[in-house]
Amino acid sequence: MYRALKTPSRLLLMLTLATVVLLAGCTDVGVEPESDASAERVFTDDSSYEAYLAKLYGGLNVTGQQGPDGNQDIGGIDEGFSQYMRMYWSLQQLSTDEAIIAWQDSGIELLNTHAWNEDNQFVRGMYDRIFFQVSHANEFLRQSTRSQLESRGNSQQVIEQMPQFRAEARFLRALSYWHGLDLFGNIPFVTQEFERGAEPPEQATREEVFNFVEQELLAITGEAGDTEEVLAPIGDAEYGRADRGAAYMLLAKLYQNAEVYVGENRSNDVADYTARIIDSGAYSLEEEYHNQFLADNEFSPEFIFAIPHDGQRTQHYGGTTFLGNASLGDQAGDFGFTGWYGLRTTSAVADRYDSNDERPVFPNTTGNQFIQEGRSKEVTDIPDFANGGGYIVPKYQNVTSQGEPGVNSEFSDVDYPMFRLADAYLMYAEAAVRGGGDMSRAVTLVNELQERAGLPGNLTSSDLTLDFILDERSRELLWEGHRRTDLIRFDEFTGSSLNWPWTQIEGFSSPDTRKLFPLPGSELRANPTLEQNPGYSGGE
């Protein structure tokens, strides 16, 4: 299939202009974002609303006001570390059996060994990013009511566009609140109705945040009877922006983990919403698995919601710039990167793949699976990238499907696939095994993925066990930011019986309290009404 070189989407172009109107942020969820210009003056310009919305999307991507460093969004952490998806990926992957990092950068190595605490800068940075997003989404919703638009004399076109813009802002806020309840449990909670400058925000329970996210997503998809502030129909949004397909996927994610969050099996709902995605006709499996992780992957028919990266317009040291560079050393030039000598995988991952599975046989490599030359499968020395073992995973490559390099070897053109169709297939299959959905359909869906991977695709219903599905999720979705949440849902993230192949860790045991990260110590000091998660300083 022919693929053209990447051209900038309207979202990327608007993100370039978004700093003109951004109300520069703080990381305190209850504090109004600061501004060099009053909202009344800024928002008389019709274009400011779309630019602000672009910055909300940009909060998942860029790290500051100029990029790649300088004038960063959040403080207390190196700007390169602070990119939203870099920190999310690190917490989701480095805390599991899928990834090891060689670096010893002020606490990142503690993610590998479950030794983080409430002062870990990566835990704090993720928390701050979540509430940076929430604060700005709330501000957008405060400033974009119909009465505000009419009082400022904004055009009729803006008034007509605003309900969908507001639905997108609500989706982005719901996404960050989902990350918050998944990673941290009971968290501070505010909406645009919160009276700024009053008392510190109260801490909501996981159930309360769950219910809010659910109701928001039902509202902006029209499921709750709302007819005004709704997302574009499934498959109709501009690439990189949320439509109802993205919201259905987030709903399904919420329901998939409902037993962890609120003690309820919502497998029927998982099957319902993933089936809507699958049956919509808006998406299809990418014929070539690896095309989803190349520099022109914006053309993939499989993406439900992706975060666009552009080597010229979204320069930062996170996202797929981090995932591509940190995974490579001397061989980086073959993959369009410069190489940072950091990430590799473990023998547990290597052993999960059948020798005929094509998913770990990457373009621009020689040999069998992963990059194995001169390396042991076992990790023998975590800080030693070159000689400490562990296969290299060049999953994200800054090279197009036509073999052309990205526009900039230092910064990635590879878009980050937050939600894609294969995940919906596996979520449906898991829901069927857990009592929701149709088992025969689940078998058909998983066999489609097996066939794309070069395997026979002859699984039967008896093969579709929970153990198989957990392993298949690791194989299909390797290094895509799902592993920690998956392991917790399958009750395999903590305990003394974990068999994770870290040869430096003898007798490794992780308490159940590690299923949540701690609220940052700095947040507890700023808001003494908050209660720390059990197992951490200040918690029971």
Protein backbone atom coordinates (compact mmCIF):
# COMPACT_ATOMS: atom_id res chain seq x y z
CA MET A 1 0.00 0.00 0.00
CA TYR A 2 1.39 3.38 -0.99
CA ARG A 3 1.80 5.91 1.78
CA ALA A 4 2.64 9.57 1.26
CA LEU A 5 5.07 11.42 3.45
CA LYS A 6 3.53 13.05 6.47
CA THR A 7 1.81 16.38 6.02
CA PRO A 8 0.73 18.51 8.97
CA SER A 9 -2.86 18.10 10.13
CA ARG A 10 -4.94 21.12 11.10
CA LEU A 11 -4.54 20.01 14.72
CA LEU A 12 -0.74 20.25 14.44
CA LEU A 13 -0.96 23.63 12.75
CA MET A 14 -3.29 24.94 15.43
CA LEU A 15 -0.98 23.58 18.14
CA THR A 16 1.80 25.68 16.63
CA LEU A 17 -0.33 28.78 17.24
CA ALA A 18 -1.80 27.73 20.58
CA THR A 19 0.79 29.47 22.73
CA VAL A 20 -0.70 32.80 21.68
CA VAL A 21 -3.76 32.22 23.85
CA LEU A 22 -2.66 29.66 26.42
CA LEU A 23 -3.36 30.68 29.98
CA ALA A 24 -0.02 29.52 31.36
CA GLY A 25 -0.60 26.74 33.82
CA CYS A 26 0.05 25.62 37.31
CA THR A 27 -0.09 22.07 38.59
CA ASP A 28 -2.46 22.65 41.50
CA VAL A 29 -5.83 21.21 40.53
CA GLY A 30 -7.74 23.86 42.44
CA VAL A 31 -5.88 26.93 41.26
CA GLU A 32 -6.84 29.04 38.26
CA PRO A 33 -4.27 28.92 35.45
CA GLU A 34 -2.23 32.08 35.37
CA SER A 35 -2.37 34.43 32.42
CA ASP A 36 -0.40 37.28 30.95
CA ALA A 37 -3.61 38.53 29.39
CA SER A 38 -7.15 38.58 30.75
CA ALA A 39 -9.61 36.01 29.49
CA GLU A 40 -11.96 38.78 28.43
CA ARG A 41 -9.33 40.21 26.13
CA VAL A 42 -8.01 36.91 24.80
CA PHE A 43 -11.33 35.27 24.00
CA THR A 44 -12.79 38.09 21.93
CA ASP A 45 -10.70 36.61 19.11
CA ASP A 46 -12.69 33.81 17.50
CA SER A 47 -9.60 31.75 16.70
CA SER A 48 -8.52 31.66 20.34
CA TYR A 49 -10.99 28.92 21.26
CA GLU A 50 -9.75 26.46 18.69
CA ALA A 51 -6.15 27.32 19.57
CA TYR A 52 -6.87 26.71 23.25
CA LEU A 53 -8.51 23.38 22.36
CA ALA A 54 -5.42 22.48 20.35
CA LYS A 55 -3.33 23.19 23.43
CA LEU A 56 -5.53 20.80 25.43
CA TYR A 57 -4.66 18.10 22.92
CA GLY A 58 -1.09 19.33 22.99
CA GLY A 59 -0.99 18.69 26.73
CA LEU A 60 -0.75 14.99 25.88
CA ASN A 61 2.15 15.74 23.57
CA VAL A 62 4.33 18.82 23.99
CA THR A 63 6.14 19.82 27.19
CA GLY A 64 6.14 23.61 27.13
CA GLN A 65 5.63 26.82 25.23
CA GLN A 66 8.50 26.59 22.79
CA GLY A 67 9.96 23.07 22.61
CA PRO A 68 11.97 21.01 22.94
CA ASP A 69 12.98 22.76 26.17
CA GLY A 70 12.63 26.14 27.80
CA ASN A 71 9.43 27.67 29.24
CA GLN A 72 8.08 24.30 30.36
CA ASP A 73 4.53 23.57 31.48
CA ILE A 74 5.27 21.99 34.86
CA GLY A 75 8.13 22.53 37.28
CA GLY A 76 10.17 20.36 39.58
CA ILE A 77 11.26 17.95 36.86
CA ASP A 78 13.51 18.03 33.80
CA GLU A 79 11.37 19.14 30.87
CA GLY A 80 12.49 16.22 28.74
CA PHE A 81 11.22 13.78 31.36
CA SER A 82 7.95 15.67 31.82
CA GLN A 83 6.10 14.78 28.61
CA TYR A 84 2.70 13.26 29.41
CA MET A 85 2.99 9.98 27.51
CA ARG A 86 6.64 9.48 28.45
CA MET A 87 5.75 9.54 32.14
CA TYR A 88 2.57 7.51 31.64
CA TRP A 89 4.46 4.90 29.63
CA SER A 90 7.23 4.75 32.24
CA LEU A 91 4.80 4.11 35.09
CA GLN A 92 2.83 1.60 33.03
CA GLN A 93 5.79 -0.33 31.57
CA LEU A 94 8.90 0.06 33.72
CA SER A 95 6.99 -1.23 36.73
CA THR A 96 6.27 -4.51 34.90
CA ASP A 97 8.01 -7.51 33.36
CA GLU A 98 8.09 -5.94 29.87
CA ALA A 99 10.77 -3.25 30.07
CA ILE A 100 14.06 -2.50 31.80
CA ILE A 101 15.86 0.86 31.66
CA ALA A 102 19.58 1.29 32.15
CA TRP A 103 19.48 4.87 33.37
CA GLN A 104 19.86 5.89 37.00
CA ASP A 105 18.15 9.28 36.72
CA SER A 106 16.88 10.36 40.13
CA GLY A 107 14.37 7.62 40.66
CA ILE A 108 13.49 6.18 37.27
CA GLU A 109 15.40 2.99 38.11
CA LEU A 110 13.16 2.56 41.18
CA LEU A 111 10.20 1.94 38.87
CA ASN A 112 11.89 -1.29 37.75
CA THR A 113 12.19 -2.57 41.31
CA HIS A 114 8.90 -1.35 42.82
CA ALA A 115 10.93 0.86 45.16
CA TRP A 116 9.33 4.24 44.38
CA ASN A 117 8.06 6.52 47.15
CA GLU A 118 5.97 9.65 47.53
CA ASP A 119 8.91 11.87 46.51
CA ASN A 120 9.73 10.05 43.27
CA GLN A 121 9.94 12.73 40.57
CA PHE A 122 8.36 10.57 37.88
CA VAL A 123 5.37 9.74 40.06
CA ARG A 124 5.04 13.43 40.98
CA GLY A 125 5.49 14.50 37.36
CA MET A 126 2.70 12.21 36.16
CA TYR A 127 0.39 13.47 38.90
CA ASP A 128 1.16 17.07 37.97
CA ARG A 129 0.60 16.41 34.28
CA ILE A 130 -2.81 14.88 34.96
CA PHE A 131 -3.97 17.89 36.94
CA PHE A 132 -2.36 20.36 34.55
CA GLN A 133 -4.68 18.85 31.93
CA VAL A 134 -7.70 18.89 34.23
CA SER A 135 -7.12 22.52 35.22
CA HIS A 136 -6.89 23.72 31.63
CA ALA A 137 -9.90 21.68 30.50
CA ASN A 138 -11.89 23.22 33.35
CA GLU A 139 -10.75 26.71 32.33
CA PHE A 140 -11.76 26.12 28.72
CA LEU A 141 -15.19 25.00 29.87
CA ARG A 142 -15.54 28.09 32.11
CA GLN A 143 -14.65 30.43 29.26
CA SER A 144 -16.74 28.85 26.50
CA THR A 145 -20.31 28.88 27.76
CA ARG A 146 -22.91 30.29 25.41
CA SER A 147 -23.47 33.28 27.68
CA GLN A 148 -19.74 34.03 27.65
CA LEU A 149 -19.59 33.81 23.86
CA GLU A 150 -22.59 36.09 23.40
CA SER A 151 -21.37 38.65 25.92
CA ARG A 152 -18.00 38.84 24.15
CA GLY A 153 -19.54 39.24 20.73
CA ASN A 154 -18.03 36.07 19.29
CA SER A 155 -19.23 35.06 15.84
CA GLN A 156 -22.17 32.78 15.13
CA GLN A 157 -19.75 30.26 13.61
CA VAL A 158 -17.87 29.98 16.90
CA ILE A 159 -21.14 29.68 18.82
CA GLU A 160 -22.23 26.83 16.54
CA GLN A 161 -18.85 25.03 16.78
CA MET A 162 -18.54 25.36 20.54
CA PRO A 163 -20.71 22.41 21.68
CA GLN A 164 -18.42 19.97 19.88
CA PHE A 165 -15.29 21.78 21.12
CA ARG A 166 -16.64 21.52 24.66
CA ALA A 167 -17.35 17.82 24.20
CA GLU A 168 -13.73 17.31 23.13
CA ALA A 169 -12.47 19.19 26.19
CA ARG A 170 -14.69 17.01 28.38
CA PHE A 171 -13.26 13.89 26.72
CA LEU A 172 -9.69 15.02 27.39
CA ARG A 173 -10.56 15.80 31.01
CA ALA A 174 -12.21 12.38 31.37
CA LEU A 175 -9.12 10.72 29.89
CA SER A 176 -6.85 12.36 32.46
CA TYR A 177 -9.23 11.60 35.30
CA TRP A 178 -9.19 7.94 34.19
CA HIS A 179 -5.41 7.97 34.32
CA GLY A 180 -5.65 9.55 37.77
CA LEU A 181 -8.04 7.00 39.25
CA ASP A 182 -6.09 4.12 37.67
CA LEU A 183 -2.66 5.25 38.86
CA PHE A 184 -3.46 7.00 42.16
CA GLY A 185 -6.89 5.84 43.36
CA ASN A 186 -8.57 8.47 45.55
CA ILE A 187 -7.64 11.84 44.08
CA PRO A 188 -8.60 15.51 44.36
CA PHE A 189 -11.57 16.27 42.17
CA VAL A 190 -12.80 19.52 40.64
CA THR A 191 -14.82 20.57 37.63
CA GLN A 192 -15.36 23.97 36.04
CA GLU A 193 -17.91 24.65 38.79
CA PHE A 194 -15.20 24.66 41.47
CA GLU A 195 -14.86 28.04 43.16
CA ARG A 196 -11.25 28.97 42.56
CA GLY A 197 -9.25 30.40 45.42
CA ALA A 198 -11.59 28.92 48.01
CA GLU A 199 -10.83 25.89 50.17
CA PRO A 200 -8.48 23.21 48.79
CA PRO A 201 -10.29 20.66 46.61
CA GLU A 202 -11.69 17.65 48.40
CA GLN A 203 -10.40 14.15 47.76
CA ALA A 204 -12.84 11.98 45.85
CA THR A 205 -13.07 8.23 46.16
CA ARG A 206 -12.21 6.00 43.25
CA GLU A 207 -15.90 5.22 42.89
CA GLU A 208 -16.82 8.91 42.70
CA VAL A 209 -14.23 9.58 40.00
CA PHE A 210 -15.30 6.41 38.16
CA ASN A 211 -18.92 7.57 38.17
CA PHE A 212 -17.97 11.04 36.94
CA VAL A 213 -15.88 9.72 34.06
CA GLU A 214 -18.63 7.29 33.10
CA GLN A 215 -21.33 9.96 33.13
CA GLU A 216 -19.19 12.41 31.17
CA LEU A 217 -18.48 9.87 28.46
CA LEU A 218 -22.12 8.80 28.26
CA ALA A 219 -23.09 12.46 27.93
CA ILE A 220 -20.64 13.42 25.18
CA THR A 221 -21.54 10.35 23.11
CA GLY A 222 -25.27 11.07 23.39
CA GLU A 223 -25.86 7.91 25.40
CA ALA A 224 -27.31 9.84 28.34
CA GLY A 225 -29.89 11.65 26.20
CA ASP A 226 -27.78 14.75 25.67
CA THR A 227 -28.11 16.24 22.21
CA GLU A 228 -25.93 19.35 22.31
CA GLU A 229 -22.38 18.79 23.63
CA VAL A 230 -21.59 15.59 21.76
CA LEU A 231 -18.53 14.37 19.91
CA ALA A 232 -18.38 13.85 16.18
CA PRO A 233 -19.87 10.54 15.00
CA ILE A 234 -17.55 7.56 15.16
CA GLY A 235 -14.82 7.83 12.54
CA ASP A 236 -15.71 11.41 11.55
CA ALA A 237 -13.21 13.45 13.56
CA GLU A 238 -10.05 14.97 12.16
CA TYR A 239 -7.09 12.68 12.77
CA GLY A 240 -5.69 13.19 16.26
CA ARG A 241 -8.98 14.52 17.65
CA ALA A 242 -11.55 12.57 19.64
CA ASP A 243 -14.82 11.31 18.22
CA ARG A 244 -17.35 8.88 19.66
CA GLY A 245 -15.09 5.97 18.81
CA ALA A 246 -12.42 7.30 21.16
CA ALA A 247 -15.03 7.86 23.87
CA TYR A 248 -16.45 4.34 23.40
CA MET A 249 -12.93 2.98 23.79
CA LEU A 250 -12.35 4.96 26.97
CA LEU A 251 -15.70 3.76 28.33
CA ALA A 252 -14.71 0.18 27.54
CA LYS A 253 -11.37 0.70 29.32
CA LEU A 254 -13.20 2.06 32.36
CA TYR A 255 -15.58 -0.91 32.40
CA GLN A 256 -12.83 -3.44 31.71
CA ASN A 257 -11.14 -2.45 34.96
CA ALA A 258 -14.31 -1.80 36.94
CA GLU A 259 -13.73 -4.78 39.22
CA VAL A 260 -10.44 -3.21 40.31
CA TYR A 261 -11.90 0.28 40.62
CA VAL A 262 -15.35 -0.34 42.13
CA GLY A 263 -15.70 -4.10 42.62
CA GLU A 264 -18.09 -4.68 39.69
CA ASN A 265 -17.84 -7.02 36.71
CA ARG A 266 -18.86 -4.86 33.73
CA SER A 267 -17.86 -7.33 31.01
CA ASN A 268 -21.21 -6.97 29.24
CA ASP A 269 -20.55 -3.25 28.87
CA VAL A 270 -17.00 -3.90 27.61
CA ALA A 271 -18.42 -6.22 24.96
CA ASP A 272 -21.11 -3.69 24.05
CA TYR A 273 -18.81 -0.72 23.48
CA THR A 274 -15.98 -2.60 21.80
CA ALA A 275 -18.54 -4.21 19.48
CA ARG A 276 -19.77 -0.75 18.50
CA ILE A 277 -16.22 0.17 17.55
CA ILE A 278 -15.60 -3.07 15.67
CA ASP A 279 -18.96 -2.99 13.86
CA SER A 280 -18.81 0.70 12.93
CA GLY A 281 -16.81 0.14 9.77
CA ALA A 282 -14.71 3.15 10.68
CA TYR A 283 -11.61 1.05 11.40
CA SER A 284 -9.93 -2.05 10.05
CA LEU A 285 -6.86 -4.04 10.93
CA GLU A 286 -3.64 -2.75 9.39
CA GLU A 287 -2.47 -5.37 6.89
CA GLU A 288 1.16 -4.99 7.97
CA TYR A 289 1.43 -4.95 11.75
CA HIS A 290 4.63 -2.88 11.81
CA ASN A 291 3.22 -0.06 9.66
CA GLN A 292 1.44 1.14 12.80
CA PHE A 293 4.75 2.10 14.40
CA LEU A 294 6.54 3.84 11.52
CA ALA A 295 6.96 7.51 10.62
CA ASP A 296 3.89 7.58 8.36
CA ASN A 297 1.59 5.65 10.68
CA GLU A 298 -1.02 8.41 10.57
CA PHE A 299 -2.41 6.52 7.57
CA SER A 300 -3.18 3.40 9.61
CA PRO A 301 -6.85 2.38 9.39
CA GLU A 302 -6.49 0.77 12.82
CA PHE A 303 -6.05 3.89 14.96
CA ILE A 304 -9.02 4.93 17.08
CA PHE A 305 -7.17 7.72 18.89
CA ALA A 306 -3.54 8.66 18.32
CA ILE A 307 -1.25 11.44 19.51
CA PRO A 308 0.36 13.04 16.43
CA HIS A 309 4.12 13.56 16.51
CA ASP A 310 5.99 15.71 14.04
CA GLY A 311 9.76 16.11 14.00
CA GLN A 312 9.43 19.81 13.18
CA ARG A 313 6.25 20.96 14.95
CA THR A 314 6.14 18.87 18.14
CA GLN A 315 9.72 18.72 19.32
CA HIS A 316 10.20 17.20 22.77
CA TYR A 317 12.04 14.32 24.41
CA GLY A 318 9.01 12.22 25.22
CA GLY A 319 6.48 10.08 23.38
CA THR A 320 7.87 8.10 20.49
CA THR A 321 11.01 10.27 20.44
CA PHE A 322 11.77 8.71 23.83
CA LEU A 323 10.55 5.23 22.89
CA GLY A 324 12.51 5.14 19.64
CA ASN A 325 15.76 6.70 20.81
CA ALA A 326 15.90 5.08 24.24
CA SER A 327 15.45 1.63 22.71
CA LEU A 328 18.51 1.90 20.50
CA GLY A 329 22.26 2.26 20.66
CA ASP A 330 24.81 2.02 17.85
CA GLN A 331 22.20 0.74 15.40
CA ALA A 332 19.91 3.79 15.82
CA GLY A 333 20.70 5.27 12.41
CA ASP A 334 19.07 2.28 10.70
CA PHE A 335 15.81 3.27 12.34
CA GLY A 336 15.90 7.04 11.77
CA PHE A 337 17.02 7.90 15.32
CA THR A 338 20.19 8.97 17.11
CA GLY A 339 20.09 6.42 19.97
CA TRP A 340 20.09 6.99 23.73
CA TYR A 341 21.13 3.51 25.02
CA GLY A 342 18.38 2.93 27.58
CA LEU A 343 15.49 0.52 27.13
CA ARG A 344 15.40 -3.21 26.46
CA THR A 345 13.08 -6.08 27.26
CA THR A 346 13.26 -9.18 29.42
CA SER A 347 13.37 -12.91 28.75
CA ALA A 348 9.74 -13.17 29.88
CA VAL A 349 8.71 -11.14 26.84
CA ALA A 350 11.01 -12.98 24.44
CA ASP A 351 9.71 -16.35 25.63
CA ARG A 352 6.06 -15.43 25.01
CA TYR A 353 6.41 -15.33 21.24
CA ASP A 354 6.18 -18.35 18.97
CA SER A 355 9.24 -18.61 16.74
CA ASN A 356 6.96 -18.01 13.72
CA ASP A 357 5.31 -14.92 15.18
CA GLU A 358 6.11 -11.97 12.90
CA ARG A 359 5.31 -9.22 15.43
CA PRO A 360 8.79 -9.15 17.04
CA VAL A 361 10.55 -9.46 13.66
CA PHE A 362 11.04 -5.77 12.98
CA PRO A 363 11.75 -3.99 9.67
CA ASN A 364 15.36 -2.91 9.17
CA THR A 365 16.64 -5.74 11.38
CA THR A 366 18.40 -9.00 10.61
CA GLY A 367 18.05 -12.26 12.47
CA ASN A 368 15.05 -13.83 14.10
CA GLN A 369 13.17 -11.80 16.72
CA PHE A 370 14.12 -8.47 18.32
CA ILE A 371 17.78 -7.38 18.08
CA GLN A 372 19.71 -10.27 19.60
CA GLU A 373 23.20 -10.00 18.14
CA GLY A 374 25.84 -9.94 20.85
CA ARG A 375 23.22 -9.91 23.60
CA SER A 376 21.96 -12.44 26.12
CA LYS A 377 18.23 -12.94 26.46
CA GLU A 378 18.52 -12.63 30.23
CA VAL A 379 19.11 -9.25 31.84
CA THR A 380 22.33 -9.65 33.82
CA ASP A 381 23.04 -6.02 34.71
CA ILE A 382 20.21 -3.48 34.66
CA PRO A 383 22.36 -0.29 34.38
CA ASP A 384 24.53 -1.71 31.57
CA PHE A 385 22.67 -1.23 28.27
CA ALA A 386 25.51 -2.43 26.05
CA ASN A 387 26.60 -5.55 27.92
CA GLY A 388 23.98 -6.21 30.58
CA GLY A 389 21.68 -8.36 28.50
CA GLY A 390 18.09 -8.05 27.38
CA TYR A 391 17.00 -7.99 23.75
CA ILE A 392 16.51 -4.64 22.00
CA VAL A 393 13.00 -3.72 20.82
CA PRO A 394 13.01 -1.32 17.83
CA LYS A 395 9.20 -1.16 17.75
CA TYR A 396 8.92 2.56 17.04
CA GLN A 397 10.94 3.49 13.95
CA ASN A 398 11.39 6.98 12.51
CA VAL A 399 11.35 5.59 8.98
CA THR A 400 8.36 5.46 6.63
CA SER A 401 6.83 2.33 5.14
CA GLN A 402 8.61 3.33 1.92
CA GLY A 403 11.99 3.33 3.68
CA GLU A 404 12.36 7.11 3.85
CA PRO A 405 13.71 8.65 7.08
CA GLY A 406 11.60 11.00 9.17
CA VAL A 407 12.12 14.72 8.82
CA ASN A 408 14.39 14.90 11.87
CA SER A 409 16.47 12.08 13.37
CA GLU A 410 16.43 13.77 16.79
CA PHE A 411 12.64 14.11 17.04
CA SER A 412 10.12 11.48 16.01
CA ASP A 413 7.48 11.52 13.29
CA VAL A 414 5.90 8.35 14.72
CA ASP A 415 2.45 9.00 16.14
CA TYR A 416 1.68 7.39 19.50
CA PRO A 417 -1.17 4.84 19.20
CA MET A 418 -3.17 5.35 22.40
CA PHE A 419 -6.20 3.32 21.24
CA ARG A 420 -6.24 0.96 18.29
CA LEU A 421 -8.57 -1.68 16.90
CA ALA A 422 -6.51 -4.73 17.89
CA ASP A 423 -6.89 -3.70 21.52
CA ALA A 424 -10.68 -3.53 21.05
CA TYR A 425 -10.57 -7.09 19.63
CA LEU A 426 -8.67 -8.37 22.66
CA MET A 427 -10.90 -6.45 25.07
CA TYR A 428 -13.97 -8.06 23.49
CA ALA A 429 -12.35 -11.49 23.78
CA GLU A 430 -11.48 -10.97 27.43
CA ALA A 431 -15.01 -9.76 28.13
CA ALA A 432 -16.39 -12.94 26.54
CA VAL A 433 -14.19 -15.13 28.74
CA ARG A 434 -15.31 -13.16 31.78
CA GLY A 435 -19.00 -13.67 30.96
CA GLY A 436 -19.88 -10.90 28.50
CA GLY A 437 -20.09 -11.04 24.71
CA ASP A 438 -20.15 -13.98 22.34
CA MET A 439 -17.39 -16.58 22.63
CA SER A 440 -17.52 -17.68 19.00
CA ARG A 441 -17.06 -14.09 17.88
CA ALA A 442 -14.21 -13.64 20.36
CA VAL A 443 -12.44 -16.65 18.82
CA THR A 444 -12.86 -15.20 15.33
CA LEU A 445 -11.43 -11.84 16.38
CA VAL A 446 -8.38 -13.31 18.09
CA ASN A 447 -7.72 -15.60 15.13
CA GLU A 448 -7.68 -12.54 12.86
CA LEU A 449 -4.87 -11.14 14.98
CA GLN A 450 -3.07 -14.47 14.96
CA GLU A 451 -3.25 -14.67 11.16
CA ARG A 452 -1.87 -11.16 10.78
CA ALA A 453 1.01 -12.22 13.03
CA GLY A 454 1.83 -15.05 10.60
CA LEU A 455 0.37 -17.76 12.83
CA PRO A 456 -2.19 -20.42 11.76
CA GLY A 457 -5.21 -18.73 13.33
CA ASN A 458 -6.74 -22.02 14.38
CA LEU A 459 -7.55 -21.26 18.01
CA THR A 460 -10.74 -22.67 19.50
CA SER A 461 -12.86 -21.50 22.42
CA SER A 462 -10.99 -23.85 24.75
CA ASP A 463 -7.76 -21.98 23.89
CA LEU A 464 -9.21 -18.63 24.92
CA THR A 465 -8.33 -18.73 28.60
CA LEU A 466 -7.52 -15.72 30.74
CA ASP A 467 -3.87 -16.78 30.84
CA PHE A 468 -3.76 -16.86 27.05
CA ILE A 469 -5.43 -13.46 26.75
CA LEU A 470 -3.02 -11.82 29.18
CA ASP A 471 -0.06 -13.21 27.23
CA GLU A 472 -1.63 -12.27 23.89
CA ARG A 473 -2.16 -8.72 25.09
CA SER A 474 1.55 -8.60 25.91
CA ARG A 475 2.46 -9.94 22.47
CA GLU A 476 0.12 -7.73 20.45
CA LEU A 477 0.37 -4.54 22.55
CA LEU A 478 3.99 -4.75 23.67
CA TRP A 479 5.31 -1.39 24.90
CA GLU A 480 2.07 0.46 24.15
CA GLY A 481 1.40 1.50 27.76
CA HIS A 482 -1.11 -1.13 28.91
CA ARG A 483 0.91 -3.70 30.87
CA ARG A 484 0.65 -2.46 34.48
CA THR A 485 -3.12 -2.01 34.28
CA ASP A 486 -3.45 -5.45 32.67
CA LEU A 487 -1.36 -7.17 35.32
CA ILE A 488 -3.33 -5.56 38.13
CA ARG A 489 -6.63 -6.62 36.55
CA PHE A 490 -5.34 -10.19 36.30
CA ASP A 491 -3.95 -10.02 39.87
CA GLU A 492 -0.38 -10.61 38.70
CA PHE A 493 1.26 -7.30 39.54
CA THR A 494 2.16 -7.90 43.17
CA GLY A 495 2.91 -10.74 45.58
CA SER A 496 5.78 -13.05 46.45
CA SER A 497 5.21 -15.52 43.61
CA LEU A 498 6.05 -13.15 40.76
CA ASN A 499 8.50 -14.71 38.36
CA TRP A 500 9.84 -11.61 36.68
CA PRO A 501 13.31 -12.23 35.23
CA TRP A 502 15.35 -9.58 36.99
CA THR A 503 18.48 -11.45 37.94
CA GLN A 504 19.62 -8.68 40.28
CA ILE A 505 16.51 -8.97 42.42
CA GLU A 506 16.54 -12.05 44.62
CA GLY A 507 13.46 -12.97 46.58
CA PHE A 508 11.54 -10.10 45.02
CA SER A 509 8.16 -9.48 46.63
CA SER A 510 5.88 -6.52 46.04
CA PRO A 511 3.05 -5.70 48.47
CA ASP A 512 -0.48 -5.13 47.20
CA THR A 513 -0.20 -1.47 48.14
CA ARG A 514 2.03 -1.10 45.05
CA LYS A 515 -1.07 -1.45 42.90
CA LEU A 516 -1.40 2.30 43.47
CA PHE A 517 1.24 4.96 43.24
CA PRO A 518 1.48 7.38 46.16
CA LEU A 519 0.10 10.88 46.13
CA PRO A 520 3.19 13.11 45.89
CA GLY A 521 4.56 14.37 49.17
CA SER A 522 4.51 17.92 47.79
CA GLU A 523 0.75 17.60 47.16
CA LEU A 524 0.10 16.36 50.69
CA ARG A 525 2.03 19.30 52.12
CA ALA A 526 0.08 21.75 49.95
CA ASN A 527 -3.30 20.19 50.75
CA PRO A 528 -3.30 18.63 54.23
CA THR A 529 -6.89 17.42 53.78
CA LEU A 530 -5.66 14.66 51.46
CA GLU A 531 -5.08 11.13 52.72
CA GLN A 532 -2.08 9.19 51.44
CA ASN A 533 -2.50 5.77 49.88
CA PRO A 534 -1.75 2.87 52.26
CA GLY A 535 1.82 1.63 52.33
CA TYR A 536 3.43 5.04 51.80
CA SER A 537 4.64 7.74 54.15
CA GLY A 538 1.57 9.39 55.60
CA GLY A 539 -0.66 6.45 54.67
CA GLU A 540 -2.04 3.73 56.89
